[in-house]
N, C-alpha and C. Protein backbone atom coordinates (compact mmCIF):
# COMPACT_ATOMS: atom_id res chain seq x y z
N MET A 1 44.37 -96.66 -122.21
CA MET A 1 44.68 -95.63 -122.60
C MET A 1 43.53 -95.22 -122.76
N ASP A 2 42.41 -95.61 -121.93
CA ASP A 2 40.83 -94.62 -122.25
C ASP A 2 41.44 -94.16 -120.08
N VAL A 3 42.08 -94.49 -119.83
CA VAL A 3 42.35 -93.72 -118.19
C VAL A 3 42.65 -92.27 -118.53
N LEU A 4 43.49 -92.44 -119.99
CA LEU A 4 44.12 -90.53 -119.95
C LEU A 4 43.50 -90.28 -120.26
N SER A 5 42.34 -91.08 -121.56
CA SER A 5 41.30 -90.17 -122.77
C SER A 5 40.36 -89.54 -121.63
N ARG A 6 40.12 -90.31 -120.86
CA ARG A 6 39.23 -89.35 -119.38
C ARG A 6 39.64 -88.49 -118.52
N LEU A 7 41.16 -88.97 -118.05
CA LEU A 7 41.66 -87.89 -117.70
C LEU A 7 41.78 -86.72 -118.10
N TRP A 8 42.17 -86.72 -119.11
CA TRP A 8 41.73 -85.00 -120.39
C TRP A 8 41.05 -84.48 -120.46
N ARG A 9 40.06 -85.42 -120.35
CA ARG A 9 38.56 -84.98 -120.91
C ARG A 9 37.95 -84.17 -119.74
N GLU A 10 37.76 -85.07 -118.53
CA GLU A 10 37.97 -84.69 -116.81
C GLU A 10 38.60 -82.97 -116.70
N LEU A 11 39.66 -83.61 -116.89
CA LEU A 11 40.25 -81.86 -116.67
C LEU A 11 40.13 -80.78 -117.64
N SER A 12 40.14 -81.41 -118.26
CA SER A 12 39.86 -80.04 -119.60
C SER A 12 38.03 -79.47 -119.11
N GLU A 13 37.45 -80.24 -118.89
CA GLU A 13 36.07 -79.85 -118.83
C GLU A 13 35.49 -78.44 -117.76
N ARG A 14 37.10 -78.13 -116.24
CA ARG A 14 37.04 -78.23 -115.15
C ARG A 14 36.73 -76.84 -115.28
N PRO A 15 37.36 -76.54 -115.93
CA PRO A 15 36.87 -74.62 -116.16
C PRO A 15 35.63 -74.20 -116.91
N ASP A 16 35.68 -74.40 -117.61
CA ASP A 16 34.01 -74.39 -117.84
C ASP A 16 32.46 -75.47 -117.10
N GLY A 17 32.88 -75.88 -115.87
CA GLY A 17 32.25 -76.29 -115.63
C GLY A 17 32.01 -74.89 -113.48
N PRO A 18 30.79 -75.50 -112.85
CA PRO A 18 30.45 -75.11 -111.39
C PRO A 18 32.56 -74.76 -110.49
N LEU A 19 32.04 -73.99 -109.87
CA LEU A 19 32.87 -73.48 -108.83
C LEU A 19 34.80 -72.96 -110.55
N ALA A 20 34.48 -72.51 -111.13
CA ALA A 20 35.05 -72.30 -112.13
C ALA A 20 36.04 -70.97 -111.56
N PHE A 21 35.68 -69.90 -110.90
CA PHE A 21 36.36 -69.01 -110.20
C PHE A 21 37.40 -69.26 -109.49
N ARG A 22 37.89 -70.54 -108.91
CA ARG A 22 38.69 -71.24 -108.85
C ARG A 22 39.54 -71.24 -109.30
N PHE A 23 39.46 -71.35 -111.13
CA PHE A 23 40.76 -71.31 -112.47
C PHE A 23 41.29 -70.14 -111.83
N TYR A 24 40.19 -68.65 -111.19
CA TYR A 24 41.05 -67.29 -111.23
C TYR A 24 41.52 -66.95 -109.85
N ILE A 25 41.34 -67.56 -108.34
CA ILE A 25 41.33 -66.87 -107.23
C ILE A 25 42.41 -67.66 -106.68
N GLN A 26 42.44 -69.22 -106.99
CA GLN A 26 43.72 -69.95 -106.38
C GLN A 26 44.81 -69.70 -107.54
N PRO A 27 44.89 -69.17 -108.65
CA PRO A 27 46.19 -68.84 -108.95
C PRO A 27 47.06 -67.09 -108.76
N LEU A 28 45.73 -66.54 -108.31
CA LEU A 28 46.09 -65.11 -108.18
C LEU A 28 46.83 -65.58 -106.66
N MET A 29 46.13 -66.00 -105.83
CA MET A 29 46.19 -66.32 -104.09
C MET A 29 48.51 -66.73 -104.15
N ALA A 30 48.21 -67.64 -104.89
CA ALA A 30 49.81 -68.17 -105.11
C ALA A 30 51.21 -66.46 -106.13
N ILE A 31 50.11 -65.95 -106.92
CA ILE A 31 50.93 -65.40 -107.36
C ILE A 31 51.15 -64.27 -106.36
N PHE A 32 50.63 -63.77 -105.49
CA PHE A 32 50.83 -63.00 -104.04
C PHE A 32 51.62 -64.01 -103.77
N PHE A 33 51.23 -64.72 -103.53
CA PHE A 33 52.83 -65.40 -102.35
C PHE A 33 54.00 -65.86 -102.70
N ALA A 34 53.65 -66.07 -103.92
CA ALA A 34 55.34 -66.14 -105.14
C ALA A 34 55.93 -64.48 -104.81
N LEU A 35 55.25 -63.04 -104.92
CA LEU A 35 55.59 -62.20 -105.18
C LEU A 35 56.36 -61.91 -104.18
N ARG A 36 55.10 -61.87 -103.31
CA ARG A 36 55.81 -61.67 -101.79
C ARG A 36 57.34 -61.94 -101.04
N ASP A 37 56.83 -63.68 -101.55
CA ASP A 37 57.87 -64.32 -101.67
C ASP A 37 59.31 -64.52 -101.93
N GLY A 38 59.63 -63.20 -102.90
CA GLY A 38 60.40 -62.81 -103.71
C GLY A 38 61.10 -61.52 -103.17
N LEU A 39 60.19 -60.48 -103.16
CA LEU A 39 60.51 -59.64 -103.02
C LEU A 39 62.03 -59.33 -101.22
N ARG A 40 60.94 -61.20 -100.85
CA ARG A 40 61.70 -61.04 -99.66
C ARG A 40 63.47 -61.86 -99.85
N ASP A 41 63.25 -62.43 -100.78
CA ASP A 41 65.11 -63.17 -101.04
C ASP A 41 64.94 -61.92 -101.85
N ALA A 42 64.61 -60.97 -102.54
CA ALA A 42 66.13 -59.66 -103.25
C ALA A 42 66.11 -59.27 -102.22
N ARG A 43 65.15 -58.92 -101.34
CA ARG A 43 66.39 -57.82 -100.07
C ARG A 43 67.01 -58.40 -98.96
N ALA A 44 66.92 -60.00 -99.63
CA ALA A 44 68.20 -60.98 -98.47
C ALA A 44 69.58 -61.27 -98.90
N GLY A 45 69.39 -60.73 -100.06
CA GLY A 45 70.25 -61.36 -101.85
C GLY A 45 70.09 -62.31 -102.07
N ARG A 46 69.36 -62.87 -102.16
CA ARG A 46 69.36 -64.84 -102.16
C ARG A 46 69.23 -64.74 -103.76
N PRO A 47 69.87 -65.65 -104.42
CA PRO A 47 69.37 -66.17 -105.72
C PRO A 47 67.96 -67.09 -105.99
N ALA A 48 67.74 -66.30 -107.18
CA ALA A 48 65.82 -66.84 -107.52
C ALA A 48 66.09 -67.77 -107.04
N TYR A 49 64.48 -68.90 -106.88
CA TYR A 49 64.11 -69.36 -106.13
C TYR A 49 63.65 -71.01 -107.62
N PHE A 50 63.30 -71.26 -108.14
CA PHE A 50 62.95 -72.23 -108.92
C PHE A 50 65.39 -72.74 -109.27
N TRP A 51 65.63 -71.92 -109.73
CA TRP A 51 67.60 -72.22 -110.47
C TRP A 51 68.01 -72.34 -108.97
N SER A 52 67.83 -71.79 -107.93
CA SER A 52 68.60 -71.83 -106.40
C SER A 52 68.11 -73.31 -106.66
N ILE A 53 66.75 -74.43 -106.00
CA ILE A 53 66.14 -75.63 -106.14
C ILE A 53 67.26 -76.63 -107.33
N LEU A 54 67.20 -76.24 -108.78
CA LEU A 54 67.75 -77.06 -109.48
C LEU A 54 69.39 -77.67 -109.41
N ARG A 55 69.71 -76.16 -109.06
CA ARG A 55 71.17 -75.81 -109.47
C ARG A 55 71.61 -76.12 -107.69
N GLY A 56 71.24 -76.35 -106.54
CA GLY A 56 71.25 -76.21 -105.17
C GLY A 56 72.08 -75.78 -104.97
N ASN A 57 71.89 -74.12 -104.82
CA ASN A 57 73.65 -73.47 -104.39
C ASN A 57 73.26 -73.79 -103.12
N VAL A 58 72.31 -73.57 -102.75
CA VAL A 58 71.96 -73.55 -101.39
C VAL A 58 70.78 -74.48 -100.93
N ASN A 59 70.89 -74.55 -99.40
CA ASN A 59 70.38 -75.22 -99.23
C ASN A 59 68.85 -76.06 -99.70
N ARG A 60 68.75 -76.99 -100.78
CA ARG A 60 67.63 -76.94 -101.23
C ARG A 60 66.50 -77.44 -100.18
N ARG A 61 66.88 -78.70 -99.47
CA ARG A 61 65.52 -79.24 -98.51
C ARG A 61 65.55 -77.60 -98.07
N GLU A 62 65.67 -76.32 -97.41
CA GLU A 62 65.10 -75.40 -96.55
C GLU A 62 64.44 -75.01 -97.51
N LEU A 63 65.13 -74.45 -98.70
CA LEU A 63 63.38 -73.96 -100.31
C LEU A 63 62.75 -74.46 -99.76
N LEU A 64 62.84 -75.54 -100.46
CA LEU A 64 61.80 -76.72 -100.79
C LEU A 64 60.29 -76.08 -98.98
N ARG A 65 61.33 -76.10 -99.03
CA ARG A 65 60.03 -75.92 -97.00
C ARG A 65 59.58 -74.67 -96.95
N SER A 66 60.54 -73.66 -97.01
CA SER A 66 60.01 -72.41 -97.19
C SER A 66 59.07 -72.31 -98.65
N GLY A 67 59.41 -72.43 -99.34
CA GLY A 67 58.21 -72.06 -100.11
C GLY A 67 57.12 -73.07 -100.16
N TRP A 68 56.35 -74.39 -99.86
CA TRP A 68 55.84 -74.93 -99.56
C TRP A 68 55.08 -74.33 -99.00
N ARG A 69 55.81 -74.02 -97.14
CA ARG A 69 55.37 -73.10 -96.12
C ARG A 69 54.22 -71.95 -96.65
N SER A 70 55.05 -71.63 -97.20
CA SER A 70 54.14 -70.55 -98.82
C SER A 70 52.43 -70.49 -99.31
N VAL A 71 53.09 -71.54 -99.75
CA VAL A 71 51.82 -71.83 -100.70
C VAL A 71 50.66 -73.27 -100.56
N SER A 72 51.56 -74.04 -99.06
CA SER A 72 50.22 -75.32 -99.41
C SER A 72 49.11 -74.73 -99.23
N ARG A 73 49.00 -74.15 -98.45
CA ARG A 73 47.27 -73.97 -98.08
C ARG A 73 46.68 -73.78 -99.32
N VAL A 74 47.30 -72.92 -100.61
CA VAL A 74 46.25 -73.02 -101.61
C VAL A 74 46.40 -74.22 -102.51
N PHE A 75 47.85 -74.74 -102.15
CA PHE A 75 47.56 -75.98 -102.64
C PHE A 75 46.14 -77.19 -102.00
N VAL A 76 46.39 -77.10 -100.34
CA VAL A 76 45.22 -77.90 -99.86
C VAL A 76 43.98 -77.68 -99.95
N LEU A 77 43.23 -75.90 -100.47
CA LEU A 77 42.78 -75.64 -100.87
C LEU A 77 41.65 -76.35 -102.31
N ALA A 78 42.98 -75.76 -103.02
CA ALA A 78 42.59 -76.15 -104.64
C ALA A 78 41.63 -76.93 -104.43
N VAL A 79 42.40 -78.46 -104.02
CA VAL A 79 42.55 -79.97 -103.94
C VAL A 79 41.26 -80.26 -102.85
N GLY A 80 40.77 -79.57 -102.43
CA GLY A 80 40.37 -79.56 -101.21
C GLY A 80 38.48 -79.53 -102.58
N ILE A 81 38.95 -78.39 -102.59
CA ILE A 81 37.57 -77.52 -103.44
C ILE A 81 37.54 -78.34 -105.38
N ASP A 82 38.86 -79.14 -105.28
CA ASP A 82 38.34 -79.63 -106.63
C ASP A 82 37.26 -81.73 -106.51
N LEU A 83 38.19 -81.89 -105.41
CA LEU A 83 37.58 -83.12 -104.48
C LEU A 83 35.78 -82.23 -104.64
N ILE A 84 34.93 -81.61 -103.95
CA ILE A 84 34.06 -81.36 -104.28
C ILE A 84 33.63 -81.51 -105.45
N TYR A 85 34.34 -80.69 -106.33
CA TYR A 85 34.02 -80.57 -107.49
C TYR A 85 33.06 -82.09 -107.74
N GLN A 86 34.26 -82.95 -107.56
CA GLN A 86 34.43 -84.29 -107.91
C GLN A 86 33.47 -84.38 -107.81
N LEU A 87 33.23 -84.72 -106.32
CA LEU A 87 31.55 -85.58 -105.45
C LEU A 87 30.42 -85.01 -106.46
N VAL A 88 30.45 -83.59 -106.51
CA VAL A 88 28.60 -83.14 -107.33
C VAL A 88 28.70 -83.23 -108.49
N VAL A 89 30.24 -82.88 -109.66
CA VAL A 89 30.28 -82.90 -111.03
C VAL A 89 30.16 -84.42 -111.31
N LEU A 90 31.27 -85.49 -111.26
CA LEU A 90 31.35 -86.68 -111.42
C LEU A 90 30.52 -87.74 -110.45
N ARG A 91 30.19 -87.03 -109.78
CA ARG A 91 29.62 -88.18 -108.43
C ARG A 91 30.59 -89.47 -107.96
N GLY A 92 31.78 -89.18 -107.58
CA GLY A 92 32.95 -89.83 -107.36
C GLY A 92 34.12 -89.04 -106.93
N LEU A 93 35.38 -90.10 -106.26
CA LEU A 93 36.59 -88.86 -106.18
C LEU A 93 37.45 -89.71 -106.90
N ARG A 94 38.23 -88.57 -107.12
CA ARG A 94 39.63 -89.51 -108.14
C ARG A 94 41.15 -88.85 -107.74
N PRO A 95 41.16 -88.72 -107.05
CA PRO A 95 42.83 -88.23 -105.81
C PRO A 95 43.75 -87.91 -107.24
N VAL A 96 44.12 -88.20 -108.07
CA VAL A 96 44.69 -88.42 -108.57
C VAL A 96 44.40 -87.18 -109.63
N GLU A 97 43.30 -86.75 -110.18
CA GLU A 97 43.27 -85.79 -110.82
C GLU A 97 42.73 -84.71 -109.77
N ALA A 98 42.34 -84.81 -108.67
CA ALA A 98 42.96 -83.36 -107.30
C ALA A 98 43.87 -82.79 -107.01
N LEU A 99 45.55 -83.75 -107.23
CA LEU A 99 46.65 -83.22 -106.96
C LEU A 99 47.07 -82.50 -108.02
N ILE A 100 46.52 -82.98 -109.90
CA ILE A 100 46.72 -82.58 -110.38
C ILE A 100 46.45 -81.08 -110.48
N VAL A 101 45.50 -80.82 -110.52
CA VAL A 101 44.37 -79.60 -110.21
C VAL A 101 45.16 -78.23 -109.28
N GLY A 102 45.29 -79.55 -107.89
CA GLY A 102 46.10 -78.35 -107.17
C GLY A 102 47.22 -77.84 -107.38
N ALA A 103 47.98 -78.93 -108.59
CA ALA A 103 49.47 -78.63 -108.33
C ALA A 103 49.60 -77.10 -110.01
N VAL A 104 48.77 -77.45 -110.32
CA VAL A 104 48.53 -76.77 -111.24
C VAL A 104 47.84 -75.44 -110.92
N LEU A 105 47.19 -75.65 -110.22
CA LEU A 105 46.89 -74.22 -109.69
C LEU A 105 47.49 -72.79 -109.14
N ALA A 106 47.89 -74.04 -107.83
CA ALA A 106 49.79 -73.67 -106.90
C ALA A 106 50.53 -73.38 -107.18
N LEU A 107 50.98 -74.88 -107.63
CA LEU A 107 52.82 -74.79 -107.32
C LEU A 107 52.88 -74.42 -108.12
N VAL A 108 52.36 -74.25 -109.92
CA VAL A 108 53.03 -73.81 -110.81
C VAL A 108 53.11 -72.76 -110.91
N PRO A 109 51.65 -71.50 -110.83
CA PRO A 109 52.38 -69.87 -110.64
C PRO A 109 53.29 -69.86 -109.53
N TYR A 110 53.72 -70.74 -108.38
CA TYR A 110 54.51 -70.23 -106.73
C TYR A 110 55.67 -70.19 -108.30
N VAL A 111 56.05 -71.47 -108.24
CA VAL A 111 57.43 -71.51 -108.74
C VAL A 111 57.83 -70.66 -109.92
N LEU A 112 56.85 -70.81 -110.32
CA LEU A 112 57.61 -70.00 -112.46
C LEU A 112 57.64 -68.64 -111.47
N LEU A 113 56.62 -67.29 -110.58
CA LEU A 113 57.24 -66.37 -110.40
C LEU A 113 57.86 -66.21 -108.81
N ARG A 114 57.57 -66.93 -108.62
CA ARG A 114 58.64 -66.66 -107.30
C ARG A 114 60.46 -65.89 -107.65
N GLY A 115 60.88 -66.66 -108.06
CA GLY A 115 62.13 -66.10 -108.99
C GLY A 115 62.36 -64.89 -109.79
N PRO A 116 61.53 -64.88 -110.63
CA PRO A 116 60.96 -63.83 -111.80
C PRO A 116 61.23 -62.25 -110.68
N ALA A 117 60.10 -63.02 -109.93
CA ALA A 117 60.42 -61.26 -109.12
C ALA A 117 60.86 -61.30 -107.95
N ASN A 118 62.11 -61.94 -107.49
CA ASN A 118 63.01 -61.87 -107.08
C ASN A 118 63.87 -60.59 -107.91
N ARG A 119 64.26 -61.21 -109.16
CA ARG A 119 65.54 -60.81 -110.37
C ARG A 119 64.66 -59.86 -110.87
N VAL A 120 63.34 -59.16 -110.74
CA VAL A 120 63.47 -57.95 -110.96
C VAL A 120 62.99 -56.91 -109.97
N ALA A 121 62.73 -57.26 -109.00
CA ALA A 121 62.70 -56.40 -107.29
C ALA A 121 65.03 -56.42 -107.22
N ARG A 122 65.81 -57.20 -107.28
CA ARG A 122 66.77 -57.02 -107.41
C ARG A 122 67.59 -55.94 -108.37
N HIS A 123 67.00 -56.02 -109.70
CA HIS A 123 67.37 -55.27 -110.79
C HIS A 123 66.61 -54.07 -110.44
N SER A 124 65.52 -53.81 -110.20
CA SER A 124 65.20 -52.28 -109.92
C SER A 124 65.95 -51.76 -108.99
N ARG A 125 66.79 -52.17 -107.97
CA ARG A 125 66.62 -51.70 -106.58
C ARG A 125 68.70 -51.88 -106.69
N GLY A 126 69.53 -52.79 -108.21
CA GLY A 126 70.26 -52.70 -108.15
C GLY A 126 71.06 -53.57 -106.72
N ILE A 127 70.05 -54.43 -106.39
CA ILE A 127 71.09 -55.41 -104.85
C ILE A 127 71.26 -56.37 -105.54
N ARG A 128 72.25 -56.88 -105.50
CA ARG A 128 73.66 -57.95 -105.46
C ARG A 128 73.37 -59.27 -104.74
N GLU A 129 73.18 -60.06 -105.80
CA GLU A 129 72.79 -62.30 -104.85
C GLU A 129 73.71 -62.38 -104.12
N SER A 130 73.66 -62.70 -103.17
CA SER A 130 74.20 -63.63 -102.36
C SER A 130 74.20 -64.90 -102.34
N HIS A 131 75.15 -65.85 -102.20
CA HIS A 131 74.37 -67.55 -102.13
C HIS A 131 74.14 -68.03 -100.64
N GLY A 132 73.69 -67.13 -100.12
CA GLY A 132 73.00 -67.18 -98.51
C GLY A 132 72.54 -68.30 -98.09
N SER A 133 72.08 -68.18 -96.90
CA SER A 133 70.86 -68.82 -96.35
C SER A 133 69.15 -68.53 -96.62
N VAL A 134 68.27 -69.20 -96.76
CA VAL A 134 67.04 -69.19 -97.16
C VAL A 134 66.07 -68.39 -95.51
N GLY A 135 65.53 -67.51 -95.87
CA GLY A 135 64.76 -66.79 -94.70
C GLY A 135 63.73 -67.45 -94.41
């Protein structure tokens, strides 16, 4: 249990420490890509991203690949900056913590916003959804 309490403590201290700018910049980058891809999905008449992955209405593997292509650089940057933070502040490496930070800063905002961006764009334009392929 000591490992979990240390993990939680170290993760919760990151937004107040050095390199705190990334807690704003990296989610904004992920949001930008989510909005861009959600608008593309709407123009192509594709269903919402997250629901499509969960329900498997279209090729799930291609959807995941498409999302990863968009957000992978943001994720890798988030992990890399967190590893630098760890070396400077914690004087060691904790790769699991870096992966958690990368997921929270890049993957979560992307997955949560790509589908709603698609739905808002479709609704505002009166576009109907098809159950076709991913582009």
